């Protein structure tokens, strides 16, 4: 059997970068207006 393994590079596209930046700005605006950020990851206690 032949197997080809490659690294996951989808996060390094221009589109992914723009979406990430827009989501960060959205969350910052939401918090600045008294709301809560989305997709918050809390550390395990």
PDB file of N, CA and C in Angstrom:
ATOM      1  N   UNK A   1       0.824  -1.183   0.000  1.00  0.00           N
ATOM      2  CA  UNK A   1       0.000   0.000   0.000  1.00  0.00           C
ATOM      3  C   UNK A   1       0.873   1.254   0.000  1.00  0.00           C
ATOM      4  N   UNK A   2       0.439   2.242  -0.742  1.00  0.00           N
ATOM      5  CA  UNK A   2       1.124   3.534  -0.772  1.00  0.00           C
ATOM      6  C   UNK A   2       0.359   4.540   0.084  1.00  0.00           C
ATOM      7  N   UNK A   3       1.087   5.279   0.891  1.00  0.00           N
ATOM      8  CA  UNK A   3       0.479   6.282   1.760  1.00  0.00           C
ATOM      9  C   UNK A   3       1.244   7.585   1.607  1.00  0.00           C
ATOM     10  N   UNK A   4       0.517   8.662   1.465  1.00  0.00           N
ATOM     11  CA  UNK A   4       1.116   9.989   1.394  1.00  0.00           C
ATOM     12  C   UNK A   4       0.553  10.810   2.548  1.00  0.00           C
ATOM     13  N   UNK A   5       1.424  11.295   3.414  1.00  0.00           N
ATOM     14  CA  UNK A   5       1.007  12.088   4.564  1.00  0.00           C
ATOM     15  C   UNK A   5       1.552  13.498   4.388  1.00  0.00           C
ATOM     16  N   UNK A   6       0.657  14.484   4.509  1.00  0.00           N
ATOM     17  CA  UNK A   6       1.068  15.881   4.361  1.00  0.00           C
ATOM     18  C   UNK A   6       0.577  16.682   5.557  1.00  0.00           C
ATOM     19  N   UNK A   7       1.243  17.776   5.881  1.00  0.00           N
ATOM     20  CA  UNK A   7       0.772  18.609   6.996  1.00  0.00           C
ATOM     21  C   UNK A   7      -0.501  19.354   6.616  1.00  0.00           C
ATOM     22  N   UNK A   8      -1.279  19.691   7.616  1.00  0.00           N
ATOM     23  CA  UNK A   8      -2.511  20.454   7.396  1.00  0.00           C
ATOM     24  C   UNK A   8      -2.142  21.928   7.222  1.00  0.00           C
ATOM     25  N   UNK A   9      -2.366  22.458   6.038  1.00  0.00           N
ATOM     26  CA  UNK A   9      -1.964  23.839   5.746  1.00  0.00           C
ATOM     27  C   UNK A   9      -3.137  24.768   5.447  1.00  0.00           C
ATOM     28  N   UNK A  10      -4.366  24.315   5.664  1.00  0.00           N
ATOM     29  CA  UNK A  10      -5.526  25.140   5.321  1.00  0.00           C
ATOM     30  C   UNK A  10      -5.586  26.430   6.135  1.00  0.00           C
ATOM     31  N   UNK A  11      -5.026  26.428   7.323  1.00  0.00           N
ATOM     32  CA  UNK A  11      -5.078  27.623   8.171  1.00  0.00           C
ATOM     33  C   UNK A  11      -4.154  28.726   7.680  1.00  0.00           C
ATOM     34  N   UNK A  12      -3.320  28.440   6.713  1.00  0.00           N
ATOM     35  CA  UNK A  12      -2.346  29.419   6.240  1.00  0.00           C
ATOM     36  C   UNK A  12      -2.746  30.065   4.918  1.00  0.00           C
ATOM     37  N   UNK A  13      -4.021  29.984   4.565  1.00  0.00           N
ATOM     38  CA  UNK A  13      -4.485  30.634   3.342  1.00  0.00           C
ATOM     39  C   UNK A  13      -4.851  32.086   3.635  1.00  0.00           C
ATOM     40  N   UNK A  14      -4.887  32.903   2.626  1.00  0.00           N
ATOM     41  CA  UNK A  14      -5.277  34.307   2.784  1.00  0.00           C
ATOM     42  C   UNK A  14      -6.708  34.403   3.295  1.00  0.00           C
ATOM     43  N   UNK A  15      -7.586  33.557   2.778  1.00  0.00           N
ATOM     44  CA  UNK A  15      -8.987  33.570   3.210  1.00  0.00           C
ATOM     45  C   UNK A  15      -9.106  33.234   4.701  1.00  0.00           C
ATOM     46  N   UNK A  16      -8.374  32.236   5.162  1.00  0.00           N
ATOM     47  CA  UNK A  16      -8.422  31.861   6.578  1.00  0.00           C
ATOM     48  C   UNK A  16      -7.888  32.992   7.454  1.00  0.00           C
ATOM     49  N   UNK A  17      -6.826  33.649   7.007  1.00  0.00           N
ATOM     50  CA  UNK A  17      -6.265  34.770   7.758  1.00  0.00           C
ATOM     51  C   UNK A  17      -7.279  35.904   7.877  1.00  0.00           C
ATOM     52  N   UNK A  18      -7.959  36.223   6.787  1.00  0.00           N
ATOM     53  CA  UNK A  18      -8.946  37.301   6.792  1.00  0.00           C
ATOM     54  C   UNK A  18     -10.129  36.968   7.695  1.00  0.00           C
ATOM     55  N   UNK A  19     -10.596  35.705   7.659  1.00  0.00           N
ATOM     56  CA  UNK A  19     -11.707  35.295   8.524  1.00  0.00           C
ATOM     57  C   UNK A  19     -11.303  35.357   9.991  1.00  0.00           C
ATOM     58  N   UNK A  20     -10.088  34.943  10.289  1.00  0.00           N
ATOM     59  CA  UNK A  20      -9.595  34.974  11.665  1.00  0.00           C
ATOM     60  C   UNK A  20      -9.505  36.406  12.175  1.00  0.00           C
ATOM     61  N   UNK A  21      -8.995  37.286  11.349  1.00  0.00           N
ATOM     62  CA  UNK A  21      -8.869  38.701  11.720  1.00  0.00           C
ATOM     63  C   UNK A  21     -10.248  39.339  11.912  1.00  0.00           C
ATOM     64  N   UNK A  22     -11.192  39.023  11.047  1.00  0.00           N
ATOM     65  CA  UNK A  22     -12.544  39.571  11.166  1.00  0.00           C
ATOM     66  C   UNK A  22     -13.227  39.057  12.436  1.00  0.00           C
ATOM     67  N   UNK A  23     -13.024  37.789  12.772  1.00  0.00           N
ATOM     68  CA  UNK A  23     -13.628  37.220  13.975  1.00  0.00           C
ATOM     69  C   UNK A  23     -13.027  37.846  15.230  1.00  0.00           C
ATOM     70  N   UNK A  24     -11.724  38.095  15.217  1.00  0.00           N
ATOM     71  CA  UNK A  24     -11.071  38.747  16.357  1.00  0.00           C
ATOM     72  C   UNK A  24     -11.620  40.159  16.546  1.00  0.00           C
ATOM     73  N   UNK A  25     -11.802  40.885  15.457  1.00  0.00           N
ATOM     74  CA  UNK A  25     -12.351  42.243  15.535  1.00  0.00           C
ATOM     75  C   UNK A  25     -13.795  42.213  16.031  1.00  0.00           C
ATOM     76  N   UNK A  26     -14.554  41.248  15.569  1.00  0.00           N
ATOM     77  CA  UNK A  26     -15.941  41.083  16.014  1.00  0.00           C
ATOM     78  C   UNK A  26     -15.984  40.846  17.521  1.00  0.00           C
ATOM     79  N   UNK A  27     -15.148  39.932  18.012  1.00  0.00           N
ATOM     80  CA  UNK A  27     -15.117  39.640  19.445  1.00  0.00           C
ATOM     81  C   UNK A  27     -14.664  40.847  20.251  1.00  0.00           C
ATOM     82  N   UNK A  28     -13.673  41.565  19.781  1.00  0.00           N
ATOM     83  CA  UNK A  28     -13.187  42.747  20.496  1.00  0.00           C
ATOM     84  C   UNK A  28     -14.286  43.801  20.595  1.00  0.00           C
ATOM     85  N   UNK A  29     -15.017  44.012  19.524  1.00  0.00           N
ATOM     86  CA  UNK A  29     -16.115  44.977  19.522  1.00  0.00           C
ATOM     87  C   UNK A  29     -17.226  44.539  20.462  1.00  0.00           C
ATOM     88  N   UNK A  30     -17.539  43.252  20.440  1.00  0.00           N
ATOM     89  CA  UNK A  30     -18.580  42.715  21.304  1.00  0.00           C
ATOM     90  C   UNK A  30     -18.228  42.918  22.777  1.00  0.00           C
ATOM     91  N   UNK A  31     -16.992  42.625  23.154  1.00  0.00           N
ATOM     92  CA  UNK A  31     -16.545  42.795  24.539  1.00  0.00           C
ATOM     93  C   UNK A  31     -16.504  44.278  24.913  1.00  0.00           C
ATOM     94  N   UNK A  32     -16.052  45.126  24.003  1.00  0.00           N
ATOM     95  CA  UNK A  32     -15.988  46.566  24.266  1.00  0.00           C
ATOM     96  C   UNK A  32     -17.372  47.157  24.514  1.00  0.00           C
ATOM     97  N   UNK A  33     -18.395  46.525  23.950  1.00  0.00           N
ATOM     98  CA  UNK A  33     -19.771  46.992  24.128  1.00  0.00           C
ATOM     99  C   UNK A  33     -20.478  46.285  25.281  1.00  0.00           C
ATOM    100  N   UNK A  34     -19.706  45.576  26.130  1.00  0.00           N
ATOM    101  CA  UNK A  34     -20.282  44.947  27.317  1.00  0.00           C
ATOM    102  C   UNK A  34     -20.735  43.516  27.142  1.00  0.00           C
ATOM    103  N   UNK A  35     -20.516  42.942  25.981  1.00  0.00           N
ATOM    104  CA  UNK A  35     -20.924  41.563  25.743  1.00  0.00           C
ATOM    105  C   UNK A  35     -19.830  40.574  26.097  1.00  0.00           C
ATOM    106  N   UNK A  36     -20.080  39.319  25.769  1.00  0.00           N
ATOM    107  CA  UNK A  36     -19.101  38.265  26.004  1.00  0.00           C
ATOM    108  C   UNK A  36     -18.552  37.775  24.670  1.00  0.00           C
ATOM    109  N   UNK A  37     -17.276  37.457  24.659  1.00  0.00           N
ATOM    110  CA  UNK A  37     -16.635  36.943  23.450  1.00  0.00           C
ATOM    111  C   UNK A  37     -17.145  35.538  23.143  1.00  0.00           C
ATOM    112  N   UNK A  38     -17.163  35.184  21.885  1.00  0.00           N
ATOM    113  CA  UNK A  38     -17.551  33.843  21.457  1.00  0.00           C
ATOM    114  C   UNK A  38     -16.318  32.953  21.360  1.00  0.00           C
ATOM    115  N   UNK A  39     -16.526  31.673  21.472  1.00  0.00           N
ATOM    116  CA  UNK A  39     -15.470  30.659  21.319  1.00  0.00           C
ATOM    117  C   UNK A  39     -14.347  30.831  22.338  1.00  0.00           C
ATOM    118  N   UNK A  40     -14.714  31.124  23.574  1.00  0.00           N
ATOM    119  CA  UNK A  40     -13.721  31.276  24.636  1.00  0.00           C
ATOM    120  C   UNK A  40     -13.278  29.896  25.104  1.00  0.00           C
ATOM    121  N   UNK A  41     -11.980  29.707  25.224  1.00  0.00           N
ATOM    122  CA  UNK A  41     -11.426  28.446  25.721  1.00  0.00           C
ATOM    123  C   UNK A  41     -10.816  28.722  27.087  1.00  0.00           C
ATOM    124  N   UNK A  42     -11.360  28.072  28.100  1.00  0.00           N
ATOM    125  CA  UNK A  42     -10.873  28.251  29.466  1.00  0.00           C
ATOM    126  C   UNK A  42      -9.919  27.121  29.831  1.00  0.00           C
ATOM    127  N   UNK A  43      -8.885  27.419  30.590  1.00  0.00           N
ATOM    128  CA  UNK A  43      -7.952  26.363  30.998  1.00  0.00           C
ATOM    129  C   UNK A  43      -8.623  25.392  31.963  1.00  0.00           C
ATOM    130  N   UNK A  44      -8.184  24.148  31.924  1.00  0.00           N
ATOM    131  CA  UNK A  44      -8.684  23.151  32.865  1.00  0.00           C
ATOM    132  C   UNK A  44      -8.176  23.469  34.260  1.00  0.00           C
ATOM    133  N   UNK A  45      -9.020  23.309  35.240  1.00  0.00           N
ATOM    134  CA  UNK A  45      -8.599  23.535  36.628  1.00  0.00           C
ATOM    135  C   UNK A  45      -8.120  22.244  37.250  1.00  0.00           C
TER     136      UNK A  45
END
